[in-house]
Amino acid sequence: MTFDEIRAKLKTKTVGIAGAGGLGSNCAVALARSGVGKLIVADFDVIDLSNLNRQYYFYHQLGRKKVLALQENVKMVNPEVVFVPLSLKLDSVSIKKVFANCDIIVEAFDRNDMKQMIIETVQEFFPDKPLVIGSGMAGFGGNNLIRTEQHGILYICGDQQSEVSDVLPPLAPRVGVVSMMQANQVLEILLKS
């Protein structure tokens, strides 16, 4: 498949991204670069200094809502992408509304309870919709531990072990690897459909 053929197919696709932090912001940029036609990104947070070590934002964007700054950054990468920024905290009710018309959903939450909530919600209300999640990306090193596991139409990217803590913080390299794995998995699913 040529790049033009890939872009032509991806232009018709919509990807929902739940979260605009390290995973979500980097994954969104990769998908925009690849030619995905529409991104629906939901996050309630604002950019602070601690985000800049792993998220696709810049110093001049500190204090701004993540979804609005990400929209600006994505448009600089690919102005043809339809970017829908939703500044809200997702829950099981809003997930059903926000991502109903997406071809695929990417989970990019920080907290395990939120990851569990989106998995349960998608499996209950969108049983045929692929969900790509990130799990286990804290710290550094361990390249050979990072992988993708498939369970039906649930795809888990990461080492599934390293939990974020004060002594094992999320850093750009591992977060970046996992976010790129998520984007790559999305492309694989969309281009084979």
N, C-alpha and C. Protein backbone atom coordinates (compact mmCIF):
# COMPACT_ATOMS: atom_id res chain seq x y z
N MET A 1 0.85 -1.17 0.00
CA MET A 1 0.00 0.00 0.00
C MET A 1 0.90 1.24 0.00
N THR A 2 0.68 2.17 -0.93
CA THR A 2 1.47 3.39 -0.98
C THR A 2 1.00 4.37 0.09
N PHE A 3 1.83 5.40 0.34
CA PHE A 3 1.44 6.40 1.33
C PHE A 3 0.16 7.11 0.90
N ASP A 4 0.00 7.38 -0.40
CA ASP A 4 -1.23 8.02 -0.88
C ASP A 4 -2.44 7.12 -0.66
N GLU A 5 -2.29 5.82 -0.87
CA GLU A 5 -3.39 4.88 -0.62
C GLU A 5 -3.72 4.81 0.87
N ILE A 6 -2.68 4.82 1.70
CA ILE A 6 -2.89 4.81 3.16
C ILE A 6 -3.65 6.05 3.59
N ARG A 7 -3.19 7.21 3.14
CA ARG A 7 -3.85 8.47 3.53
C ARG A 7 -5.29 8.52 3.02
N ALA A 8 -5.53 8.02 1.82
CA ALA A 8 -6.89 8.02 1.27
C ALA A 8 -7.83 7.18 2.13
N LYS A 9 -7.35 6.04 2.59
CA LYS A 9 -8.18 5.18 3.44
C LYS A 9 -8.36 5.78 4.83
N LEU A 10 -7.28 6.31 5.41
CA LEU A 10 -7.35 6.86 6.76
C LEU A 10 -8.18 8.14 6.82
N LYS A 11 -8.25 8.86 5.72
CA LYS A 11 -8.99 10.13 5.70
C LYS A 11 -10.47 9.94 6.04
N THR A 12 -10.97 8.74 5.81
CA THR A 12 -12.38 8.45 6.08
C THR A 12 -12.62 7.95 7.50
N LYS A 13 -11.57 7.82 8.30
CA LYS A 13 -11.67 7.19 9.62
C LYS A 13 -11.71 8.21 10.75
N THR A 14 -12.41 7.83 11.82
CA THR A 14 -12.51 8.65 13.02
C THR A 14 -11.97 7.87 14.20
N VAL A 15 -11.04 8.50 14.92
CA VAL A 15 -10.44 7.88 16.11
C VAL A 15 -10.78 8.72 17.33
N GLY A 16 -11.29 8.09 18.37
CA GLY A 16 -11.54 8.75 19.63
C GLY A 16 -10.39 8.52 20.57
N ILE A 17 -9.97 9.57 21.27
CA ILE A 17 -8.86 9.45 22.23
C ILE A 17 -9.34 9.96 23.57
N ALA A 18 -9.31 9.08 24.57
CA ALA A 18 -9.75 9.40 25.92
C ALA A 18 -8.55 9.81 26.75
N GLY A 19 -8.28 11.11 26.78
CA GLY A 19 -7.14 11.65 27.51
C GLY A 19 -6.16 12.32 26.57
N ALA A 20 -5.62 13.45 26.99
CA ALA A 20 -4.69 14.22 26.15
C ALA A 20 -3.37 14.47 26.86
N GLY A 21 -2.94 13.51 27.68
CA GLY A 21 -1.66 13.62 28.37
C GLY A 21 -0.55 13.00 27.56
N GLY A 22 0.34 12.26 28.22
CA GLY A 22 1.49 11.69 27.54
C GLY A 22 1.12 10.72 26.44
N LEU A 23 0.22 9.80 26.72
CA LEU A 23 -0.21 8.85 25.69
C LEU A 23 -1.07 9.54 24.64
N GLY A 24 -2.10 10.23 25.07
CA GLY A 24 -3.06 10.81 24.14
C GLY A 24 -2.50 11.87 23.23
N SER A 25 -1.68 12.77 23.77
CA SER A 25 -1.15 13.85 22.93
C SER A 25 -0.18 13.32 21.89
N ASN A 26 0.69 12.42 22.28
CA ASN A 26 1.66 11.86 21.33
C ASN A 26 0.98 10.95 20.31
N CYS A 27 0.01 10.17 20.74
CA CYS A 27 -0.72 9.29 19.82
C CYS A 27 -1.49 10.13 18.81
N ALA A 28 -2.14 11.20 19.25
CA ALA A 28 -2.91 12.06 18.35
C ALA A 28 -2.02 12.65 17.26
N VAL A 29 -0.84 13.11 17.63
CA VAL A 29 0.09 13.70 16.65
C VAL A 29 0.53 12.64 15.64
N ALA A 30 0.83 11.43 16.11
CA ALA A 30 1.25 10.36 15.20
C ALA A 30 0.12 10.00 14.23
N LEU A 31 -1.10 9.95 14.72
CA LEU A 31 -2.24 9.62 13.86
C LEU A 31 -2.49 10.74 12.85
N ALA A 32 -2.34 11.99 13.29
CA ALA A 32 -2.49 13.12 12.36
C ALA A 32 -1.43 13.08 11.28
N ARG A 33 -0.19 12.80 11.66
CA ARG A 33 0.89 12.71 10.67
C ARG A 33 0.62 11.60 9.65
N SER A 34 -0.04 10.55 10.10
CA SER A 34 -0.31 9.41 9.22
C SER A 34 -1.51 9.65 8.31
N GLY A 35 -2.36 10.62 8.65
CA GLY A 35 -3.46 10.98 7.77
C GLY A 35 -4.84 10.61 8.24
N VAL A 36 -5.01 10.25 9.53
CA VAL A 36 -6.36 9.97 10.03
C VAL A 36 -7.22 11.21 9.83
N GLY A 37 -8.43 11.02 9.34
CA GLY A 37 -9.29 12.14 8.96
C GLY A 37 -9.88 12.93 10.10
N LYS A 38 -10.27 12.23 11.18
CA LYS A 38 -10.94 12.93 12.28
C LYS A 38 -10.48 12.36 13.61
N LEU A 39 -10.15 13.25 14.52
CA LEU A 39 -9.77 12.90 15.89
C LEU A 39 -10.74 13.57 16.85
N ILE A 40 -11.32 12.78 17.73
CA ILE A 40 -12.16 13.31 18.81
C ILE A 40 -11.39 13.06 20.10
N VAL A 41 -10.95 14.14 20.75
CA VAL A 41 -10.09 14.03 21.93
C VAL A 41 -10.77 14.68 23.12
N ALA A 42 -10.91 13.93 24.20
CA ALA A 42 -11.56 14.43 25.41
C ALA A 42 -10.59 14.41 26.59
N ASP A 43 -10.51 15.54 27.29
CA ASP A 43 -9.68 15.68 28.49
C ASP A 43 -10.11 16.96 29.19
N PHE A 44 -10.13 16.96 30.50
CA PHE A 44 -10.56 18.13 31.26
C PHE A 44 -9.40 18.98 31.77
N ASP A 45 -8.18 18.49 31.67
CA ASP A 45 -7.02 19.06 32.37
C ASP A 45 -6.38 20.22 31.61
N VAL A 46 -5.54 20.95 32.36
CA VAL A 46 -4.73 22.02 31.77
C VAL A 46 -3.25 21.62 31.84
N ILE A 47 -2.45 22.24 31.00
CA ILE A 47 -1.02 21.91 30.92
C ILE A 47 -0.28 22.56 32.07
N ASP A 48 0.52 21.77 32.78
CA ASP A 48 1.41 22.36 33.78
C ASP A 48 2.84 21.91 33.50
N LEU A 49 3.77 22.51 34.19
CA LEU A 49 5.18 22.29 33.92
C LEU A 49 5.58 20.82 34.00
N SER A 50 4.99 20.08 34.92
CA SER A 50 5.34 18.67 35.07
C SER A 50 4.94 17.82 33.86
N ASN A 51 4.06 18.31 33.02
CA ASN A 51 3.63 17.58 31.82
C ASN A 51 4.65 17.62 30.70
N LEU A 52 5.51 18.62 30.69
CA LEU A 52 6.38 18.84 29.54
C LEU A 52 7.47 17.79 29.38
N ASN A 53 7.67 16.94 30.38
CA ASN A 53 8.70 15.91 30.24
C ASN A 53 8.25 14.74 29.37
N ARG A 54 6.96 14.69 28.97
CA ARG A 54 6.49 13.54 28.20
C ARG A 54 5.29 13.82 27.30
N GLN A 55 4.74 15.01 27.36
CA GLN A 55 3.53 15.31 26.60
C GLN A 55 3.84 16.26 25.45
N TYR A 56 3.02 16.23 24.40
CA TYR A 56 3.29 17.00 23.19
C TYR A 56 2.77 18.44 23.34
N TYR A 57 3.39 19.15 24.29
CA TYR A 57 3.05 20.56 24.54
C TYR A 57 4.34 21.34 24.71
N PHE A 58 4.19 22.67 24.79
CA PHE A 58 5.33 23.57 24.82
C PHE A 58 5.17 24.59 25.95
N TYR A 59 6.30 25.19 26.35
CA TYR A 59 6.28 26.14 27.47
C TYR A 59 5.25 27.25 27.28
N HIS A 60 5.14 27.76 26.07
CA HIS A 60 4.20 28.87 25.87
C HIS A 60 2.74 28.44 26.02
N GLN A 61 2.49 27.12 26.13
CA GLN A 61 1.12 26.62 26.29
C GLN A 61 0.76 26.32 27.74
N LEU A 62 1.68 26.56 28.67
CA LEU A 62 1.39 26.30 30.09
C LEU A 62 0.11 27.04 30.51
N GLY A 63 -0.72 26.34 31.27
CA GLY A 63 -1.96 26.92 31.78
C GLY A 63 -3.15 26.79 30.83
N ARG A 64 -2.91 26.38 29.61
CA ARG A 64 -4.01 26.22 28.64
C ARG A 64 -4.66 24.85 28.78
N LYS A 65 -5.90 24.75 28.36
CA LYS A 65 -6.57 23.44 28.33
C LYS A 65 -5.82 22.54 27.35
N LYS A 66 -5.59 21.32 27.76
CA LYS A 66 -4.83 20.39 26.93
C LYS A 66 -5.47 20.17 25.56
N VAL A 67 -6.77 19.98 25.53
CA VAL A 67 -7.41 19.68 24.24
C VAL A 67 -7.30 20.83 23.25
N LEU A 68 -7.33 22.07 23.75
CA LEU A 68 -7.22 23.22 22.84
C LEU A 68 -5.79 23.40 22.36
N ALA A 69 -4.83 23.20 23.23
CA ALA A 69 -3.42 23.29 22.83
C ALA A 69 -3.08 22.15 21.87
N LEU A 70 -3.61 20.96 22.14
CA LEU A 70 -3.34 19.83 21.26
C LEU A 70 -3.96 20.06 19.88
N GLN A 71 -5.13 20.64 19.84
CA GLN A 71 -5.75 20.96 18.56
C GLN A 71 -4.84 21.88 17.74
N GLU A 72 -4.29 22.88 18.40
CA GLU A 72 -3.35 23.81 17.75
C GLU A 72 -2.11 23.05 17.23
N ASN A 73 -1.56 22.18 18.05
CA ASN A 73 -0.36 21.44 17.66
C ASN A 73 -0.63 20.46 16.52
N VAL A 74 -1.76 19.78 16.58
CA VAL A 74 -2.12 18.83 15.52
C VAL A 74 -2.35 19.57 14.21
N LYS A 75 -2.99 20.71 14.27
CA LYS A 75 -3.26 21.48 13.05
C LYS A 75 -1.96 21.97 12.41
N MET A 76 -0.92 22.20 13.20
CA MET A 76 0.38 22.58 12.63
C MET A 76 1.02 21.39 11.91
N VAL A 77 0.74 20.18 12.38
CA VAL A 77 1.28 18.97 11.78
C VAL A 77 0.49 18.59 10.52
N ASN A 78 -0.84 18.67 10.61
CA ASN A 78 -1.70 18.29 9.48
C ASN A 78 -2.98 19.11 9.55
N PRO A 79 -3.04 20.22 8.80
CA PRO A 79 -4.22 21.09 8.85
C PRO A 79 -5.49 20.46 8.28
N GLU A 80 -5.37 19.32 7.62
CA GLU A 80 -6.55 18.67 7.05
C GLU A 80 -7.32 17.83 8.06
N VAL A 81 -6.73 17.54 9.20
CA VAL A 81 -7.40 16.72 10.21
C VAL A 81 -8.57 17.51 10.81
N VAL A 82 -9.71 16.85 10.91
CA VAL A 82 -10.83 17.42 11.66
C VAL A 82 -10.57 17.05 13.12
N PHE A 83 -10.36 18.05 13.95
CA PHE A 83 -10.01 17.82 15.35
C PHE A 83 -11.15 18.34 16.22
N VAL A 84 -11.75 17.45 16.99
CA VAL A 84 -12.85 17.82 17.87
C VAL A 84 -12.33 17.79 19.31
N PRO A 85 -12.06 18.98 19.91
CA PRO A 85 -11.58 19.02 21.30
C PRO A 85 -12.75 19.09 22.27
N LEU A 86 -12.79 18.18 23.21
CA LEU A 86 -13.86 18.17 24.21
C LEU A 86 -13.24 18.30 25.59
N SER A 87 -13.47 19.44 26.20
CA SER A 87 -12.91 19.70 27.53
C SER A 87 -13.90 19.20 28.57
N LEU A 88 -13.76 17.93 28.92
CA LEU A 88 -14.65 17.33 29.90
C LEU A 88 -14.00 16.12 30.52
N LYS A 89 -14.47 15.79 31.72
CA LYS A 89 -13.99 14.58 32.40
C LYS A 89 -14.91 13.43 31.98
N LEU A 90 -14.34 12.45 31.35
CA LEU A 90 -15.12 11.34 30.85
C LEU A 90 -15.61 10.42 31.97
N ASP A 91 -16.81 9.91 31.77
CA ASP A 91 -17.37 8.88 32.64
C ASP A 91 -18.13 7.91 31.74
N SER A 92 -18.77 6.91 32.32
CA SER A 92 -19.43 5.89 31.51
C SER A 92 -20.56 6.46 30.66
N VAL A 93 -21.21 7.50 31.11
CA VAL A 93 -22.29 8.12 30.34
C VAL A 93 -21.73 8.93 29.17
N SER A 94 -20.74 9.78 29.45
CA SER A 94 -20.20 10.63 28.38
C SER A 94 -19.42 9.82 27.34
N ILE A 95 -18.78 8.74 27.75
CA ILE A 95 -18.05 7.91 26.79
C ILE A 95 -18.99 7.39 25.71
N LYS A 96 -20.19 6.98 26.11
CA LYS A 96 -21.16 6.46 25.14
C LYS A 96 -21.54 7.52 24.11
N LYS A 97 -21.64 8.77 24.54
CA LYS A 97 -22.02 9.86 23.62
C LYS A 97 -20.83 10.32 22.78
N VAL A 98 -19.71 10.54 23.43
CA VAL A 98 -18.53 11.13 22.77
C VAL A 98 -17.96 10.22 21.69
N PHE A 99 -17.87 8.92 21.97
CA PHE A 99 -17.17 8.01 21.07
C PHE A 99 -18.09 7.10 20.25
N ALA A 100 -19.38 7.38 20.24
CA ALA A 100 -20.35 6.52 19.54
C ALA A 100 -20.03 6.36 18.06
N ASN A 101 -19.57 7.41 17.40
CA ASN A 101 -19.34 7.35 15.95
C ASN A 101 -17.88 7.15 15.57
N CYS A 102 -17.06 6.73 16.51
CA CYS A 102 -15.65 6.48 16.22
C CYS A 102 -15.46 5.07 15.69
N ASP A 103 -14.47 4.92 14.82
CA ASP A 103 -14.13 3.60 14.31
C ASP A 103 -13.35 2.80 15.34
N ILE A 104 -12.64 3.51 16.20
CA ILE A 104 -11.76 2.88 17.20
C ILE A 104 -11.55 3.88 18.33
N ILE A 105 -11.26 3.38 19.52
CA ILE A 105 -11.03 4.24 20.68
C ILE A 105 -9.65 3.94 21.25
N VAL A 106 -8.95 5.01 21.63
CA VAL A 106 -7.65 4.89 22.31
C VAL A 106 -7.84 5.37 23.75
N GLU A 107 -7.47 4.54 24.68
CA GLU A 107 -7.50 4.91 26.10
C GLU A 107 -6.15 5.51 26.45
N ALA A 108 -6.18 6.69 27.07
CA ALA A 108 -4.94 7.38 27.43
C ALA A 108 -5.07 8.04 28.80
N PHE A 109 -5.62 7.32 29.74
CA PHE A 109 -5.81 7.83 31.10
C PHE A 109 -4.58 7.58 31.96
N ASP A 110 -4.46 8.35 33.04
CA ASP A 110 -3.39 8.15 34.02
C ASP A 110 -3.77 7.12 35.08
N ARG A 111 -5.04 7.12 35.46
CA ARG A 111 -5.46 6.33 36.62
C ARG A 111 -6.02 4.97 36.22
N ASN A 112 -5.70 3.96 37.01
CA ASN A 112 -6.17 2.60 36.75
C ASN A 112 -7.68 2.47 36.83
N ASP A 113 -8.32 3.19 37.76
CA ASP A 113 -9.78 3.09 37.87
C ASP A 113 -10.46 3.64 36.62
N MET A 114 -9.88 4.67 36.00
CA MET A 114 -10.43 5.23 34.77
C MET A 114 -10.20 4.26 33.60
N LYS A 115 -9.04 3.61 33.59
CA LYS A 115 -8.77 2.60 32.55
C LYS A 115 -9.81 1.48 32.63
N GLN A 116 -10.06 1.01 33.85
CA GLN A 116 -11.04 -0.06 34.04
C GLN A 116 -12.43 0.39 33.61
N MET A 117 -12.79 1.63 33.95
CA MET A 117 -14.11 2.15 33.61
C MET A 117 -14.31 2.20 32.10
N ILE A 118 -13.30 2.67 31.34
CA ILE A 118 -13.49 2.75 29.89
C ILE A 118 -13.52 1.37 29.26
N ILE A 119 -12.73 0.44 29.76
CA ILE A 119 -12.76 -0.93 29.24
C ILE A 119 -14.16 -1.52 29.43
N GLU A 120 -14.70 -1.40 30.64
CA GLU A 120 -16.03 -1.95 30.92
C GLU A 120 -17.11 -1.26 30.10
N THR A 121 -17.03 0.06 29.96
CA THR A 121 -18.03 0.81 29.20
C THR A 121 -18.01 0.44 27.73
N VAL A 122 -16.82 0.40 27.15
CA VAL A 122 -16.71 0.06 25.72
C VAL A 122 -17.17 -1.37 25.48
N GLN A 123 -16.77 -2.30 26.34
CA GLN A 123 -17.17 -3.69 26.14
C GLN A 123 -18.68 -3.87 26.28
N GLU A 124 -19.31 -3.08 27.14
CA GLU A 124 -20.76 -3.20 27.32
C GLU A 124 -21.54 -2.54 26.20
N PHE A 125 -21.16 -1.32 25.83
CA PHE A 125 -21.97 -0.55 24.89
C PHE A 125 -21.47 -0.56 23.45
N PHE A 126 -20.20 -0.87 23.25
CA PHE A 126 -19.62 -0.95 21.90
C PHE A 126 -18.84 -2.25 21.76
N PRO A 127 -19.50 -3.40 21.88
CA PRO A 127 -18.77 -4.67 21.91
C PRO A 127 -17.99 -4.98 20.63
N ASP A 128 -18.29 -4.29 19.54
CA ASP A 128 -17.58 -4.54 18.28
C ASP A 128 -16.56 -3.46 17.96
N LYS A 129 -16.36 -2.50 18.86
CA LYS A 129 -15.45 -1.39 18.62
C LYS A 129 -14.09 -1.68 19.25
N PRO A 130 -13.02 -1.68 18.45
CA PRO A 130 -11.68 -1.92 19.03
C PRO A 130 -11.30 -0.83 20.04
N LEU A 131 -10.61 -1.27 21.09
CA LEU A 131 -10.12 -0.37 22.14
C LEU A 131 -8.64 -0.66 22.33
N VAL A 132 -7.82 0.38 22.23
CA VAL A 132 -6.37 0.26 22.38
C VAL A 132 -5.98 1.00 23.65
N ILE A 133 -5.42 0.29 24.62
CA ILE A 133 -5.07 0.91 25.90
C ILE A 133 -3.57 0.86 26.14
N GLY A 134 -3.13 1.69 27.08
CA GLY A 134 -1.73 1.68 27.52
C GLY A 134 -1.65 1.22 28.97
N SER A 135 -0.72 0.34 29.25
CA SER A 135 -0.57 -0.16 30.61
C SER A 135 0.88 -0.56 30.86
N GLY A 136 1.53 0.15 31.77
CA GLY A 136 2.90 -0.17 32.14
C GLY A 136 3.93 0.55 31.30
N MET A 137 4.17 1.82 31.66
CA MET A 137 5.15 2.61 30.90
C MET A 137 6.01 3.49 31.80
N ALA A 138 5.96 3.27 33.09
CA ALA A 138 6.69 4.11 34.03
C ALA A 138 8.19 3.83 33.97
N GLY A 139 8.96 4.82 34.34
CA GLY A 139 10.41 4.65 34.46
C GLY A 139 11.15 4.73 33.14
N PHE A 140 12.21 3.95 33.05
CA PHE A 140 13.08 3.96 31.87
C PHE A 140 13.64 2.56 31.65
N GLY A 141 14.20 2.35 30.46
CA GLY A 141 14.79 1.04 30.15
C GLY A 141 13.74 -0.02 29.91
N GLY A 142 14.20 -1.26 29.88
CA GLY A 142 13.28 -2.39 29.70
C GLY A 142 12.60 -2.42 28.35
N ASN A 143 13.31 -2.03 27.30
CA ASN A 143 12.70 -2.01 25.97
C ASN A 143 12.08 -3.34 25.59
N ASN A 144 12.73 -4.42 25.93
CA ASN A 144 12.25 -5.74 25.51
C ASN A 144 11.01 -6.20 26.27
N LEU A 145 10.63 -5.45 27.31
CA LEU A 145 9.43 -5.80 28.07
C LEU A 145 8.17 -5.18 27.49
N ILE A 146 8.34 -4.15 26.68
CA ILE A 146 7.19 -3.43 26.12
C ILE A 146 6.68 -4.20 24.90
N ARG A 147 5.37 -4.46 24.92
CA ARG A 147 4.77 -5.28 23.86
C ARG A 147 3.29 -4.92 23.73
N THR A 148 2.65 -5.55 22.76
CA THR A 148 1.20 -5.42 22.59
C THR A 148 0.59 -6.80 22.75
N GLU A 149 -0.44 -6.87 23.58
CA GLU A 149 -1.21 -8.11 23.75
C GLU A 149 -2.61 -7.87 23.24
N GLN A 150 -3.17 -8.84 22.57
CA GLN A 150 -4.52 -8.75 22.05
C GLN A 150 -5.43 -9.72 22.78
N HIS A 151 -6.59 -9.21 23.21
CA HIS A 151 -7.63 -10.02 23.84
C HIS A 151 -8.93 -9.68 23.11
N GLY A 152 -9.23 -10.42 22.07
CA GLY A 152 -10.39 -10.09 21.24
C GLY A 152 -10.11 -8.79 20.51
N ILE A 153 -10.95 -7.77 20.76
CA ILE A 153 -10.71 -6.46 20.15
C ILE A 153 -10.20 -5.44 21.17
N LEU A 154 -9.63 -5.95 22.25
CA LEU A 154 -8.93 -5.13 23.23
C LEU A 154 -7.43 -5.35 23.03
N TYR A 155 -6.71 -4.24 22.83
CA TYR A 155 -5.27 -4.28 22.60
C TYR A 155 -4.59 -3.54 23.74
N ILE A 156 -3.62 -4.17 24.40
CA ILE A 156 -2.93 -3.58 25.54
C ILE A 156 -1.47 -3.36 25.16
N CYS A 157 -1.04 -2.09 25.16
CA CYS A 157 0.33 -1.72 24.81
C CYS A 157 1.07 -1.30 26.08
N GLY A 158 2.26 -1.85 26.30
CA GLY A 158 3.07 -1.51 27.47
C GLY A 158 3.69 -2.76 28.05
N ASP A 159 4.29 -2.64 29.24
CA ASP A 159 4.85 -3.84 29.87
C ASP A 159 3.87 -4.47 30.85
N GLN A 160 2.75 -3.80 31.09
CA GLN A 160 1.67 -4.25 31.98
C GLN A 160 2.13 -4.49 33.40
N GLN A 161 3.27 -3.89 33.80
CA GLN A 161 3.79 -4.09 35.15
C GLN A 161 4.19 -2.79 35.84
N SER A 162 4.92 -1.94 35.16
CA SER A 162 5.53 -0.78 35.82
C SER A 162 4.50 0.29 36.13
N GLU A 163 4.17 0.41 37.40
CA GLU A 163 3.22 1.40 37.88
C GLU A 163 3.93 2.71 38.19
N VAL A 164 3.30 3.82 37.82
CA VAL A 164 3.86 5.14 38.10
C VAL A 164 3.89 5.37 39.60
N SER A 165 5.02 5.89 40.09
CA SER A 165 5.16 6.26 41.51
C SER A 165 6.19 7.37 41.61
N ASP A 166 6.44 7.85 42.81
CA ASP A 166 7.45 8.91 43.00
C ASP A 166 8.84 8.45 42.59
N VAL A 167 9.13 7.16 42.78
CA VAL A 167 10.46 6.64 42.43
C VAL A 167 10.47 5.99 41.04
N LEU A 168 9.34 5.93 40.39
CA LEU A 168 9.23 5.38 39.04
C LEU A 168 8.29 6.28 38.23
N PRO A 169 8.74 7.50 37.92
CA PRO A 169 7.87 8.46 37.23
C PRO A 169 7.74 8.13 35.74
N PRO A 170 6.69 8.65 35.12
CA PRO A 170 6.57 8.48 33.67
C PRO A 170 7.54 9.44 32.98
N LEU A 171 8.36 8.91 32.07
CA LEU A 171 9.34 9.72 31.34
C LEU A 171 9.07 9.61 29.84
N ALA A 172 9.53 10.60 29.10
CA ALA A 172 9.24 10.70 27.67
C ALA A 172 9.55 9.45 26.87
N PRO A 173 10.71 8.79 27.04
CA PRO A 173 11.00 7.66 26.16
C PRO A 173 9.99 6.52 26.24
N ARG A 174 9.71 6.03 27.45
CA ARG A 174 8.78 4.89 27.58
C ARG A 174 7.35 5.30 27.26
N VAL A 175 6.93 6.47 27.70
CA VAL A 175 5.59 6.95 27.37
C VAL A 175 5.48 7.12 25.86
N GLY A 176 6.52 7.66 25.25
CA GLY A 176 6.53 7.83 23.80
C GLY A 176 6.45 6.52 23.05
N VAL A 177 7.20 5.53 23.51
CA VAL A 177 7.18 4.21 22.87
C VAL A 177 5.77 3.63 22.92
N VAL A 178 5.15 3.67 24.09
CA VAL A 178 3.82 3.09 24.24
C VAL A 178 2.79 3.87 23.42
N SER A 179 2.88 5.19 23.41
CA SER A 179 1.93 5.98 22.61
C SER A 179 2.09 5.70 21.12
N MET A 180 3.32 5.49 20.67
CA MET A 180 3.54 5.16 19.27
C MET A 180 3.05 3.74 18.96
N MET A 181 3.19 2.83 19.92
CA MET A 181 2.63 1.49 19.74
C MET A 181 1.11 1.56 19.62
N GLN A 182 0.49 2.42 20.43
CA GLN A 182 -0.95 2.58 20.33
C GLN A 182 -1.34 3.11 18.95
N ALA A 183 -0.64 4.14 18.49
CA ALA A 183 -0.93 4.70 17.17
C ALA A 183 -0.71 3.66 16.08
N ASN A 184 0.36 2.91 16.18
CA ASN A 184 0.66 1.87 15.20
C ASN A 184 -0.41 0.79 15.20
N GLN A 185 -0.90 0.43 16.38
CA GLN A 185 -1.96 -0.58 16.46
C GLN A 185 -3.25 -0.05 15.84
N VAL A 186 -3.56 1.21 16.08
CA VAL A 186 -4.73 1.83 15.46
C VAL A 186 -4.63 1.75 13.95
N LEU A 187 -3.46 2.13 13.41
CA LEU A 187 -3.28 2.08 11.95
C LEU A 187 -3.45 0.66 11.42
N GLU A 188 -2.88 -0.31 12.11
CA GLU A 188 -3.00 -1.70 11.67
C GLU A 188 -4.45 -2.12 11.59
N ILE A 189 -5.22 -1.78 12.61
CA ILE A 189 -6.65 -2.15 12.63
C ILE A 189 -7.40 -1.43 11.51
N LEU A 190 -7.21 -0.12 11.38
CA LEU A 190 -7.95 0.66 10.40
C LEU A 190 -7.59 0.28 8.96
N LEU A 191 -6.33 0.00 8.72
CA LEU A 191 -5.92 -0.28 7.35
C LEU A 191 -6.23 -1.70 6.92
N LYS A 192 -6.51 -2.57 7.88
CA LYS A 192 -6.91 -3.94 7.54
C LYS A 192 -8.41 -4.10 7.46
N SER A 193 -9.15 -3.07 7.85
CA SER A 193 -10.63 -3.17 7.85
C SER A 193 -11.21 -2.85 6.50
